N, C-alpha and C. Protein backbone atom coordinates (compact mmCIF):
# COMPACT_ATOMS: atom_id res chain seq x y z
N MET A 1 -146.30 28.74 138.02
CA MET A 1 -145.05 28.28 138.56
C MET A 1 -144.24 29.50 138.98
N LYS A 2 -143.37 29.32 139.97
CA LYS A 2 -142.52 30.40 140.46
C LYS A 2 -141.16 30.33 139.79
N TYR A 3 -140.71 31.50 139.32
CA TYR A 3 -139.41 31.62 138.67
C TYR A 3 -138.59 32.66 139.42
N VAL A 4 -137.27 32.48 139.41
CA VAL A 4 -136.38 33.41 140.10
C VAL A 4 -135.32 33.93 139.14
N LEU A 5 -134.90 35.16 139.39
CA LEU A 5 -133.81 35.78 138.66
C LEU A 5 -132.58 35.72 139.55
N ILE A 6 -131.52 35.09 139.06
CA ILE A 6 -130.32 34.82 139.85
C ILE A 6 -129.17 35.67 139.31
N ASP A 7 -128.44 36.33 140.22
CA ASP A 7 -127.27 37.12 139.79
C ASP A 7 -126.04 36.24 139.74
N ARG A 8 -124.90 36.83 139.43
CA ARG A 8 -123.65 36.06 139.29
C ARG A 8 -123.16 35.48 140.60
N GLY A 9 -123.63 36.01 141.72
CA GLY A 9 -123.25 35.49 143.03
C GLY A 9 -124.22 34.44 143.55
N ASP A 10 -125.08 33.92 142.67
CA ASP A 10 -126.10 32.92 143.00
C ASP A 10 -127.10 33.42 144.03
N ASN A 11 -127.42 34.70 144.00
CA ASN A 11 -128.42 35.29 144.88
C ASN A 11 -129.70 35.55 144.10
N VAL A 12 -130.84 35.35 144.75
CA VAL A 12 -132.12 35.65 144.12
C VAL A 12 -132.30 37.16 144.12
N VAL A 13 -132.49 37.73 142.94
CA VAL A 13 -132.66 39.16 142.78
C VAL A 13 -134.14 39.52 142.67
N ASP A 14 -134.91 38.64 142.04
CA ASP A 14 -136.32 38.91 141.80
C ASP A 14 -137.06 37.59 141.65
N LYS A 15 -138.37 37.61 141.90
CA LYS A 15 -139.21 36.42 141.76
C LYS A 15 -140.50 36.81 141.05
N ILE A 16 -141.03 35.87 140.29
CA ILE A 16 -142.36 36.04 139.72
C ILE A 16 -143.09 34.71 139.76
N GLU A 17 -144.39 34.79 139.69
CA GLU A 17 -145.20 33.58 139.59
C GLU A 17 -146.09 33.75 138.38
N ILE A 18 -145.86 32.91 137.36
CA ILE A 18 -146.65 32.96 136.13
C ILE A 18 -147.01 31.55 135.72
N SER A 19 -148.00 31.44 134.88
CA SER A 19 -148.43 30.12 134.42
C SER A 19 -147.68 29.66 133.18
N GLY A 20 -146.78 30.51 132.67
CA GLY A 20 -146.06 30.20 131.45
C GLY A 20 -144.83 29.33 131.66
N GLU A 21 -144.07 29.24 130.60
CA GLU A 21 -142.83 28.45 130.57
C GLU A 21 -141.65 29.27 131.06
N LEU A 22 -140.49 28.62 131.16
CA LEU A 22 -139.25 29.29 131.54
C LEU A 22 -138.92 30.43 130.58
N SER A 23 -139.15 30.20 129.30
CA SER A 23 -138.86 31.24 128.30
C SER A 23 -139.73 32.48 128.53
N ASP A 24 -140.96 32.28 128.99
CA ASP A 24 -141.84 33.42 129.30
C ASP A 24 -141.31 34.21 130.49
N ALA A 25 -140.81 33.50 131.48
CA ALA A 25 -140.25 34.16 132.66
C ALA A 25 -138.99 34.94 132.27
N LYS A 26 -138.16 34.34 131.44
CA LYS A 26 -136.94 35.02 131.00
C LYS A 26 -137.29 36.28 130.20
N GLU A 27 -138.28 36.17 129.35
CA GLU A 27 -138.73 37.33 128.57
C GLU A 27 -139.25 38.44 129.48
N PHE A 28 -139.97 38.06 130.54
CA PHE A 28 -140.48 39.03 131.50
C PHE A 28 -139.32 39.79 132.16
N PHE A 29 -138.33 39.04 132.66
CA PHE A 29 -137.20 39.69 133.33
C PHE A 29 -136.37 40.52 132.34
N LEU A 30 -136.24 40.04 131.12
CA LEU A 30 -135.50 40.77 130.09
C LEU A 30 -136.16 42.13 129.82
N LYS A 31 -137.47 42.14 129.71
CA LYS A 31 -138.20 43.39 129.47
C LYS A 31 -138.13 44.30 130.69
N ARG A 32 -138.14 43.72 131.88
CA ARG A 32 -138.05 44.52 133.09
C ARG A 32 -136.69 45.22 133.18
N LYS A 33 -135.62 44.54 132.80
CA LYS A 33 -134.27 45.11 132.88
C LYS A 33 -133.96 46.05 131.72
N LYS A 34 -134.69 45.90 130.62
CA LYS A 34 -134.53 46.77 129.44
C LYS A 34 -133.10 46.79 128.93
N ILE A 35 -132.53 45.60 128.72
CA ILE A 35 -131.18 45.50 128.16
C ILE A 35 -131.17 44.44 127.07
N GLU A 36 -130.09 44.39 126.34
CA GLU A 36 -129.91 43.40 125.28
C GLU A 36 -129.81 42.00 125.88
N ILE A 37 -130.21 41.01 125.13
CA ILE A 37 -130.22 39.63 125.64
C ILE A 37 -128.81 39.13 125.95
N LYS A 38 -127.80 39.52 125.16
CA LYS A 38 -126.42 39.10 125.44
C LYS A 38 -125.96 39.61 126.79
N GLU A 39 -126.24 40.88 127.05
CA GLU A 39 -125.85 41.47 128.33
C GLU A 39 -126.62 40.83 129.48
N PHE A 40 -127.90 40.59 129.24
CA PHE A 40 -128.73 39.92 130.24
C PHE A 40 -128.15 38.56 130.61
N ASN A 41 -127.81 37.78 129.58
CA ASN A 41 -127.27 36.43 129.81
C ASN A 41 -125.93 36.45 130.53
N ASN A 42 -125.16 37.52 130.38
CA ASN A 42 -123.88 37.64 131.08
C ASN A 42 -124.06 37.98 132.56
N LEU A 43 -125.19 38.58 132.89
CA LEU A 43 -125.41 39.05 134.26
C LEU A 43 -126.32 38.16 135.09
N TRP A 44 -127.32 37.55 134.46
CA TRP A 44 -128.34 36.82 135.22
C TRP A 44 -128.69 35.48 134.59
N ARG A 45 -129.32 34.66 135.44
CA ARG A 45 -129.91 33.39 135.01
C ARG A 45 -131.35 33.36 135.51
N VAL A 46 -132.20 32.65 134.80
CA VAL A 46 -133.59 32.47 135.21
C VAL A 46 -133.82 30.98 135.37
N MET A 47 -134.43 30.58 136.47
CA MET A 47 -134.76 29.18 136.70
C MET A 47 -135.98 29.10 137.60
N THR A 48 -136.53 27.90 137.72
CA THR A 48 -137.66 27.74 138.62
C THR A 48 -137.15 27.85 140.06
N GLU A 49 -138.03 28.23 140.94
CA GLU A 49 -137.64 28.34 142.35
C GLU A 49 -137.24 26.97 142.89
N GLU A 50 -137.90 25.92 142.41
CA GLU A 50 -137.57 24.55 142.83
C GLU A 50 -136.16 24.16 142.39
N GLN A 51 -135.79 24.50 141.15
CA GLN A 51 -134.44 24.22 140.66
C GLN A 51 -133.40 24.96 141.50
N TYR A 52 -133.68 26.21 141.82
CA TYR A 52 -132.76 27.01 142.61
C TYR A 52 -132.56 26.39 143.99
N ASP A 53 -133.67 26.00 144.64
CA ASP A 53 -133.57 25.40 145.98
C ASP A 53 -132.78 24.09 145.94
N THR A 54 -133.01 23.28 144.92
CA THR A 54 -132.28 22.02 144.78
C THR A 54 -130.79 22.28 144.58
N GLN A 55 -130.47 23.24 143.71
CA GLN A 55 -129.06 23.57 143.46
C GLN A 55 -128.39 24.10 144.72
N ARG A 56 -129.08 24.94 145.46
CA ARG A 56 -128.51 25.51 146.69
C ARG A 56 -128.27 24.41 147.73
N ASP A 57 -129.21 23.47 147.85
CA ASP A 57 -129.04 22.36 148.80
C ASP A 57 -127.85 21.48 148.42
N LEU A 58 -127.70 21.19 147.13
CA LEU A 58 -126.57 20.38 146.67
C LEU A 58 -125.25 21.08 146.93
N ASN A 59 -125.20 22.38 146.67
CA ASN A 59 -123.97 23.13 146.92
C ASN A 59 -123.63 23.15 148.40
N ASN A 60 -124.63 23.27 149.25
CA ASN A 60 -124.39 23.26 150.70
C ASN A 60 -123.86 21.91 151.15
N ARG A 61 -124.36 20.84 150.57
CA ARG A 61 -123.88 19.50 150.94
C ARG A 61 -122.45 19.28 150.46
N GLN A 62 -122.14 19.76 149.28
CA GLN A 62 -120.80 19.57 148.72
C GLN A 62 -119.76 20.35 149.51
N ASN A 63 -120.15 21.48 150.06
CA ASN A 63 -119.21 22.31 150.82
C ASN A 63 -119.07 21.85 152.26
N LYS A 64 -119.87 20.91 152.66
CA LYS A 64 -119.86 20.45 154.04
C LYS A 64 -119.05 19.15 154.12
N GLN A 65 -118.05 19.15 154.95
CA GLN A 65 -117.21 17.96 155.11
C GLN A 65 -117.92 16.96 156.01
N TYR A 66 -117.91 15.71 155.59
CA TYR A 66 -118.49 14.65 156.40
C TYR A 66 -117.51 14.31 157.52
N GLU A 67 -117.95 14.44 158.74
CA GLU A 67 -117.09 14.22 159.90
C GLU A 67 -117.32 12.81 160.45
N TRP A 68 -116.71 11.83 159.78
CA TRP A 68 -116.92 10.43 160.12
C TRP A 68 -116.44 10.10 161.52
N TRP A 69 -115.42 10.80 161.99
CA TRP A 69 -114.85 10.47 163.30
C TRP A 69 -115.85 10.74 164.42
N LYS A 70 -116.75 11.68 164.24
CA LYS A 70 -117.76 11.94 165.27
C LYS A 70 -118.73 10.76 165.37
N GLU A 71 -119.07 10.21 164.22
CA GLU A 71 -119.96 9.05 164.20
C GLU A 71 -119.26 7.84 164.83
N ASP A 72 -118.00 7.61 164.49
CA ASP A 72 -117.25 6.50 165.07
C ASP A 72 -117.10 6.65 166.57
N LYS A 73 -116.88 7.84 167.05
CA LYS A 73 -116.75 8.09 168.48
C LYS A 73 -118.04 7.74 169.21
N ALA A 74 -119.17 8.09 168.63
CA ALA A 74 -120.47 7.79 169.24
C ALA A 74 -120.66 6.28 169.32
N ILE A 75 -120.25 5.55 168.31
CA ILE A 75 -120.40 4.09 168.31
C ILE A 75 -119.51 3.49 169.40
N VAL A 76 -118.28 3.93 169.49
CA VAL A 76 -117.34 3.43 170.49
C VAL A 76 -117.87 3.74 171.90
N ASP A 77 -118.36 4.95 172.11
CA ASP A 77 -118.90 5.34 173.42
C ASP A 77 -120.05 4.42 173.82
N GLU A 78 -120.91 4.08 172.87
CA GLU A 78 -122.04 3.20 173.16
C GLU A 78 -121.54 1.80 173.51
N GLU A 79 -120.52 1.32 172.82
CA GLU A 79 -119.98 0.00 173.10
C GLU A 79 -119.33 -0.05 174.49
N LEU A 80 -118.71 1.02 174.91
CA LEU A 80 -118.07 1.05 176.21
C LEU A 80 -119.07 1.04 177.36
N LYS A 81 -120.27 1.50 177.11
CA LYS A 81 -121.31 1.53 178.15
C LYS A 81 -121.86 0.15 178.43
N ILE A 82 -121.69 -0.78 177.55
CA ILE A 82 -122.25 -2.13 177.71
C ILE A 82 -121.47 -2.94 178.71
């Protein structure tokens, strides 16, 4: 499975592909950074690449305003053509 290391700005810093669990991926990144676990947890998060993509898509949808008036205008325009 693919795991990603995420910084505080929600950016992917590093990726790995291992057959282990999330805890194995976190341990890998922890050893790579060579810092205490408390400091690691304050700076980064580890999740599957699929979880990250899902979270990013949801955040993009939430930040996007639904422009209902454009849809209504298209319906009205179609009705006027009849």
